[in-house]
Amino acid sequence: MNIEVTLTREDEAYIIKNLYPLYLYDLSEHYGLVPGHTPNGHGIYESSDEYRTLQDQYEVQSIWWEKPNCLYPFLIRVDGIPAGFALIATPPYCSKGIDYFVNEFFLLRPFRGKGIAEKAAAQIFTQFKGSWELFTNPAGANGRGQAFWRKALSSYTNGKYEETHGSTFNGDMVIFRFRN
């Protein structure tokens, strides 16, 4: 199994944009019927009814390709097949004192449980040295996501990471930090 993590070019942006609605749908399982995590009146996972089509949603995501050397959209492929993505941000899109923030990380269900996500995350972390931060939902419904990050970060950092629970710009979260 060949796991390839590449920074996407603008002409490949559509691949991540195609996967993004699946990611939002996946997240809805952890949040339940919380506004913003259910479809709007047009069936799009966005909090506003101004998004009527997936094409409308595509435009919002374009920022990831408009700010090179600041925002990094990675595509994860397995044996050449798009399997997921990671969106990595740098200042000013991070908390104070943080160099790199895992804004989004997603792997399609058929590729889960095979060590792919852990290897992909390690490949991304290795490309950028500094202080890292990521959040995940603290709900019990997200136990698998929390366990994934504990395992992946413990393996990558030899157990040298910090886990806290607190308030973020995205609400109450489990917060992970490490330095590489």
C-alpha atoms as a PDB file:
ATOM      1  CA  MET A   1       0.000   0.000   0.000  1.00  0.00           C
ATOM      2  CA  ASN A   2       1.520   3.295  -1.159  1.00  0.00           C
ATOM      3  CA  ILE A   3       0.531   6.326   0.969  1.00  0.00           C
ATOM      4  CA  GLU A   4       1.257   9.618  -0.739  1.00  0.00           C
ATOM      5  CA  VAL A   5       0.712  13.022   0.887  1.00  0.00           C
ATOM      6  CA  THR A   6       1.109  15.945  -1.491  1.00  0.00           C
ATOM      7  CA  LEU A   7       0.499  19.651  -1.354  1.00  0.00           C
ATOM      8  CA  THR A   8      -2.262  20.254  -3.870  1.00  0.00           C
ATOM      9  CA  ARG A   9      -2.014  22.761  -6.651  1.00  0.00           C
ATOM     10  CA  GLU A  10      -4.920  24.986  -7.561  1.00  0.00           C
ATOM     11  CA  ASP A  11      -5.727  22.788 -10.560  1.00  0.00           C
ATOM     12  CA  GLU A  12      -6.213  19.863  -8.128  1.00  0.00           C
ATOM     13  CA  ALA A  13      -8.266  21.815  -5.586  1.00  0.00           C
ATOM     14  CA  TYR A  14     -11.466  20.247  -6.875  1.00  0.00           C
ATOM     15  CA  ILE A  15     -10.400  16.867  -5.428  1.00  0.00           C
ATOM     16  CA  ILE A  16     -10.315  18.170  -1.850  1.00  0.00           C
ATOM     17  CA  LYS A  17     -13.447  20.199  -2.533  1.00  0.00           C
ATOM     18  CA  ASN A  18     -15.179  16.994  -3.676  1.00  0.00           C
ATOM     19  CA  LEU A  19     -14.175  15.241  -0.433  1.00  0.00           C
ATOM     20  CA  TYR A  20     -15.079  18.155   1.834  1.00  0.00           C
ATOM     21  CA  PRO A  21     -18.882  17.554   1.988  1.00  0.00           C
ATOM     22  CA  LEU A  22     -18.159  13.961   3.055  1.00  0.00           C
ATOM     23  CA  TYR A  23     -15.949  15.313   5.845  1.00  0.00           C
ATOM     24  CA  LEU A  24     -18.708  17.656   7.036  1.00  0.00           C
ATOM     25  CA  TYR A  25     -21.205  14.802   6.927  1.00  0.00           C
ATOM     26  CA  ASP A  26     -18.817  12.662   8.980  1.00  0.00           C
ATOM     27  CA  LEU A  27     -18.458  15.423  11.591  1.00  0.00           C
ATOM     28  CA  SER A  28     -22.227  15.685  11.962  1.00  0.00           C
ATOM     29  CA  GLU A  29     -22.185  12.283  13.671  1.00  0.00           C
ATOM     30  CA  HIS A  30     -20.144  13.778  16.538  1.00  0.00           C
ATOM     31  CA  TYR A  31     -22.184  16.935  16.968  1.00  0.00           C
ATOM     32  CA  GLY A  32     -25.728  15.655  16.561  1.00  0.00           C
ATOM     33  CA  LEU A  33     -28.414  18.239  15.895  1.00  0.00           C
ATOM     34  CA  VAL A  34     -26.262  21.252  16.775  1.00  0.00           C
ATOM     35  CA  PRO A  35     -26.886  24.181  14.377  1.00  0.00           C
ATOM     36  CA  GLY A  36     -24.093  24.440  11.828  1.00  0.00           C
ATOM     37  CA  HIS A  37     -23.597  20.682  11.892  1.00  0.00           C
ATOM     38  CA  THR A  38     -26.841  19.799  10.176  1.00  0.00           C
ATOM     39  CA  PRO A  39     -27.735  20.554   6.561  1.00  0.00           C
ATOM     40  CA  ASN A  40     -29.111  23.989   5.772  1.00  0.00           C
ATOM     41  CA  GLY A  41     -32.420  24.429   3.933  1.00  0.00           C
ATOM     42  CA  HIS A  42     -30.736  23.432   0.650  1.00  0.00           C
ATOM     43  CA  GLY A  43     -29.167  20.209   1.942  1.00  0.00           C
ATOM     44  CA  ILE A  44     -25.634  21.641   2.234  1.00  0.00           C
ATOM     45  CA  TYR A  45     -23.638  21.224   5.432  1.00  0.00           C
ATOM     46  CA  GLU A  46     -23.202  24.941   6.092  1.00  0.00           C
ATOM     47  CA  SER A  47     -24.769  27.122   8.775  1.00  0.00           C
ATOM     48  CA  SER A  48     -26.129  29.665   6.318  1.00  0.00           C
ATOM     49  CA  ASP A  49     -28.848  29.230   3.710  1.00  0.00           C
ATOM     50  CA  GLU A  50     -26.807  31.442   1.366  1.00  0.00           C
ATOM     51  CA  TYR A  51     -25.039  28.236   0.241  1.00  0.00           C
ATOM     52  CA  ARG A  52     -27.453  26.631  -2.181  1.00  0.00           C
ATOM     53  CA  THR A  53     -25.143  24.254  -4.063  1.00  0.00           C
ATOM     54  CA  LEU A  54     -21.875  22.440  -3.515  1.00  0.00           C
ATOM     55  CA  GLN A  55     -20.401  24.876  -6.045  1.00  0.00           C
ATOM     56  CA  ASP A  56     -21.233  27.730  -3.648  1.00  0.00           C
ATOM     57  CA  GLN A  57     -19.444  25.821  -0.898  1.00  0.00           C
ATOM     58  CA  TYR A  58     -16.434  25.267  -3.182  1.00  0.00           C
ATOM     59  CA  GLU A  59     -15.819  29.000  -3.383  1.00  0.00           C
ATOM     60  CA  VAL A  60     -15.530  29.354   0.396  1.00  0.00           C
ATOM     61  CA  GLN A  61     -12.767  26.740   0.420  1.00  0.00           C
ATOM     62  CA  SER A  62     -10.735  28.527  -2.253  1.00  0.00           C
ATOM     63  CA  ILE A  63      -8.820  30.466   0.408  1.00  0.00           C
ATOM     64  CA  TRP A  64      -6.648  27.350   0.880  1.00  0.00           C
ATOM     65  CA  TRP A  65      -5.154  27.901  -2.579  1.00  0.00           C
ATOM     66  CA  GLU A  66      -5.016  31.704  -2.404  1.00  0.00           C
ATOM     67  CA  LYS A  67      -2.466  31.962   0.425  1.00  0.00           C
ATOM     68  CA  PRO A  68       0.624  29.893  -0.417  1.00  0.00           C
ATOM     69  CA  ASN A  69       3.294  29.709   2.297  1.00  0.00           C
ATOM     70  CA  CYS A  70       0.543  30.345   4.859  1.00  0.00           C
ATOM     71  CA  LEU A  71      -2.200  27.776   4.194  1.00  0.00           C
ATOM     72  CA  TYR A  72      -1.282  24.259   3.088  1.00  0.00           C
ATOM     73  CA  PRO A  73      -3.921  21.954   1.540  1.00  0.00           C
ATOM     74  CA  PHE A  74      -2.605  18.377   1.479  1.00  0.00           C
ATOM     75  CA  LEU A  75      -4.240  15.529  -0.400  1.00  0.00           C
ATOM     76  CA  ILE A  76      -3.796  11.997   0.939  1.00  0.00           C
ATOM     77  CA  ARG A  77      -3.751   9.277  -1.710  1.00  0.00           C
ATOM     78  CA  VAL A  78      -3.555   5.527  -1.221  1.00  0.00           C
ATOM     79  CA  ASP A  79      -2.336   3.602  -4.251  1.00  0.00           C
ATOM     80  CA  GLY A  80      -3.189   6.668  -6.327  1.00  0.00           C
ATOM     81  CA  ILE A  81      -6.783   6.949  -5.035  1.00  0.00           C
ATOM     82  CA  PRO A  82      -7.855  10.129  -3.195  1.00  0.00           C
ATOM     83  CA  ALA A  83      -8.355   8.926   0.381  1.00  0.00           C
ATOM     84  CA  GLY A  84      -8.495  12.135   2.408  1.00  0.00           C
ATOM     85  CA  PHE A  85      -6.973  15.500   3.096  1.00  0.00           C
ATOM     86  CA  ALA A  86      -5.289  17.663   5.721  1.00  0.00           C
ATOM     87  CA  LEU A  87      -5.544  21.441   5.846  1.00  0.00           C
ATOM     88  CA  ILE A  88      -2.625  23.005   7.724  1.00  0.00           C
ATOM     89  CA  ALA A  89      -2.580  26.669   8.731  1.00  0.00           C
ATOM     90  CA  THR A  90       0.191  28.973   9.914  1.00  0.00           C
ATOM     91  CA  PRO A  91      -0.028  32.432  11.540  1.00  0.00           C
ATOM     92  CA  PRO A  92      -2.182  34.462  11.513  1.00  0.00           C
ATOM     93  CA  TYR A  93      -4.550  31.464  11.354  1.00  0.00           C
ATOM     94  CA  CYS A  94      -3.155  29.885  14.557  1.00  0.00           C
ATOM     95  CA  SER A  95      -3.285  30.561  18.265  1.00  0.00           C
ATOM     96  CA  LYS A  96      -0.589  32.851  19.631  1.00  0.00           C
ATOM     97  CA  GLY A  97       2.714  30.999  19.960  1.00  0.00           C
ATOM     98  CA  ILE A  98       1.688  28.231  17.551  1.00  0.00           C
ATOM     99  CA  ASP A  99       3.509  27.743  14.239  1.00  0.00           C
ATOM    100  CA  TYR A 100       1.260  25.095  12.651  1.00  0.00           C
ATOM    101  CA  PHE A 101      -2.390  24.255  13.162  1.00  0.00           C
ATOM    102  CA  VAL A 102      -4.186  21.162  11.871  1.00  0.00           C
ATOM    103  CA  ASN A 103      -7.336  22.926  10.743  1.00  0.00           C
ATOM    104  CA  GLU A 104      -8.945  19.852   9.179  1.00  0.00           C
ATOM    105  CA  PHE A 105      -7.871  16.223   8.874  1.00  0.00           C
ATOM    106  CA  PHE A 106     -10.023  13.631   7.134  1.00  0.00           C
ATOM    107  CA  LEU A 107      -9.718  10.102   5.831  1.00  0.00           C
ATOM    108  CA  LEU A 108     -12.526   8.342   3.967  1.00  0.00           C
ATOM    109  CA  ARG A 109     -14.056   5.411   5.858  1.00  0.00           C
ATOM    110  CA  PRO A 110     -12.752   2.581   3.624  1.00  0.00           C
ATOM    111  CA  PHE A 111      -9.171   3.672   4.455  1.00  0.00           C
ATOM    112  CA  ARG A 112      -9.582   3.902   8.233  1.00  0.00           C
ATOM    113  CA  GLY A 113      -8.178   1.451  10.748  1.00  0.00           C
ATOM    114  CA  LYS A 114      -5.223   0.526   8.547  1.00  0.00           C
ATOM    115  CA  GLY A 115      -2.562   2.935   9.884  1.00  0.00           C
ATOM    116  CA  ILE A 116      -2.903   5.223   6.858  1.00  0.00           C
ATOM    117  CA  ALA A 117      -4.001   8.336   8.750  1.00  0.00           C
ATOM    118  CA  GLU A 118      -1.193   7.988  11.285  1.00  0.00           C
ATOM    119  CA  LYS A 119       1.413   7.657   8.538  1.00  0.00           C
ATOM    120  CA  ALA A 120      -0.064  10.580   6.609  1.00  0.00           C
ATOM    121  CA  ALA A 121      -0.083  12.799   9.711  1.00  0.00           C
ATOM    122  CA  ALA A 122       3.557  11.910  10.453  1.00  0.00           C
ATOM    123  CA  GLN A 123       4.538  12.770   6.861  1.00  0.00           C
ATOM    124  CA  ILE A 124       2.918  16.185   7.230  1.00  0.00           C
ATOM    125  CA  PHE A 125       4.390  16.886  10.682  1.00  0.00           C
ATOM    126  CA  THR A 126       7.867  16.014   9.439  1.00  0.00           C
ATOM    127  CA  GLN A 127       7.656  18.630   6.671  1.00  0.00           C
ATOM    128  CA  PHE A 128       7.272  21.508   9.145  1.00  0.00           C
ATOM    129  CA  LYS A 129       9.308  21.967  12.327  1.00  0.00           C
ATOM    130  CA  GLY A 130       7.927  24.024  15.185  1.00  0.00           C
ATOM    131  CA  SER A 131       5.022  24.167  17.618  1.00  0.00           C
ATOM    132  CA  TRP A 132       1.835  22.396  16.546  1.00  0.00           C
ATOM    133  CA  GLU A 133      -1.763  22.506  17.722  1.00  0.00           C
ATOM    134  CA  LEU A 134      -4.946  20.653  16.808  1.00  0.00           C
ATOM    135  CA  PHE A 135      -8.432  20.363  18.264  1.00  0.00           C
ATOM    136  CA  THR A 136     -10.926  17.555  18.284  1.00  0.00           C
ATOM    137  CA  ASN A 137     -14.487  17.259  19.535  1.00  0.00           C
ATOM    138  CA  PRO A 138     -14.612  16.245  23.227  1.00  0.00           C
ATOM    139  CA  ALA A 139     -17.941  14.413  22.902  1.00  0.00           C
ATOM    140  CA  GLY A 140     -18.109  10.731  23.687  1.00  0.00           C
ATOM    141  CA  ALA A 141     -19.341  10.161  20.129  1.00  0.00           C
ATOM    142  CA  ASN A 142     -15.856  11.214  18.986  1.00  0.00           C
ATOM    143  CA  GLY A 143     -13.984   8.706  21.146  1.00  0.00           C
ATOM    144  CA  ARG A 144     -12.430   7.144  18.065  1.00  0.00           C
ATOM    145  CA  GLY A 145     -11.070  10.516  16.865  1.00  0.00           C
ATOM    146  CA  GLN A 146      -9.658  11.323  20.283  1.00  0.00           C
ATOM    147  CA  ALA A 147      -8.031   7.881  20.523  1.00  0.00           C
ATOM    148  CA  PHE A 148      -6.570   8.313  17.021  1.00  0.00           C
ATOM    149  CA  TRP A 149      -4.851  11.589  17.909  1.00  0.00           C
ATOM    150  CA  ARG A 150      -3.543  10.226  21.220  1.00  0.00           C
ATOM    151  CA  LYS A 151      -2.045   7.217  19.448  1.00  0.00           C
ATOM    152  CA  ALA A 152      -0.705   9.153  16.441  1.00  0.00           C
ATOM    153  CA  LEU A 153       0.844  11.912  18.547  1.00  0.00           C
ATOM    154  CA  SER A 154       2.253   9.521  21.121  1.00  0.00           C
ATOM    155  CA  SER A 155       3.919   7.532  18.349  1.00  0.00           C
ATOM    156  CA  TYR A 156       5.195  10.610  16.499  1.00  0.00           C
ATOM    157  CA  THR A 157       6.481  12.470  19.598  1.00  0.00           C
ATOM    158  CA  ASN A 158       7.478   9.469  21.732  1.00  0.00           C
ATOM    159  CA  GLY A 159       4.784  10.522  24.198  1.00  0.00           C
ATOM    160  CA  LYS A 160       5.926  14.146  24.396  1.00  0.00           C
ATOM    161  CA  TYR A 161       2.716  15.990  23.647  1.00  0.00           C
ATOM    162  CA  GLU A 162       0.259  17.982  25.738  1.00  0.00           C
ATOM    163  CA  GLU A 163      -3.457  17.293  25.929  1.00  0.00           C
ATOM    164  CA  THR A 164      -5.848  19.757  27.518  1.00  0.00           C
ATOM    165  CA  HIS A 165      -9.547  20.433  27.450  1.00  0.00           C
ATOM    166  CA  GLY A 166     -10.710  23.985  26.940  1.00  0.00           C
ATOM    167  CA  SER A 167     -12.379  26.775  25.062  1.00  0.00           C
ATOM    168  CA  THR A 168     -11.260  27.514  21.498  1.00  0.00           C
ATOM    169  CA  PHE A 169     -12.512  29.667  18.617  1.00  0.00           C
ATOM    170  CA  ASN A 170     -14.477  26.546  17.671  1.00  0.00           C
ATOM    171  CA  GLY A 171     -16.050  25.977  21.103  1.00  0.00           C
ATOM    172  CA  ASP A 172     -15.098  23.516  23.833  1.00  0.00           C
ATOM    173  CA  MET A 173     -12.507  21.047  22.501  1.00  0.00           C
ATOM    174  CA  VAL A 174      -9.812  18.552  23.355  1.00  0.00           C
ATOM    175  CA  ILE A 175      -6.620  20.453  22.494  1.00  0.00           C
ATOM    176  CA  PHE A 176      -3.378  18.729  21.542  1.00  0.00           C
ATOM    177  CA  ARG A 177      -0.012  20.512  21.337  1.00  0.00           C
ATOM    178  CA  PHE A 178       3.507  19.338  20.591  1.00  0.00           C
ATOM    179  CA  ARG A 179       6.821  20.574  19.290  1.00  0.00           C
ATOM    180  CA  ASN A 180       8.965  18.762  16.742  1.00  0.00           C
END
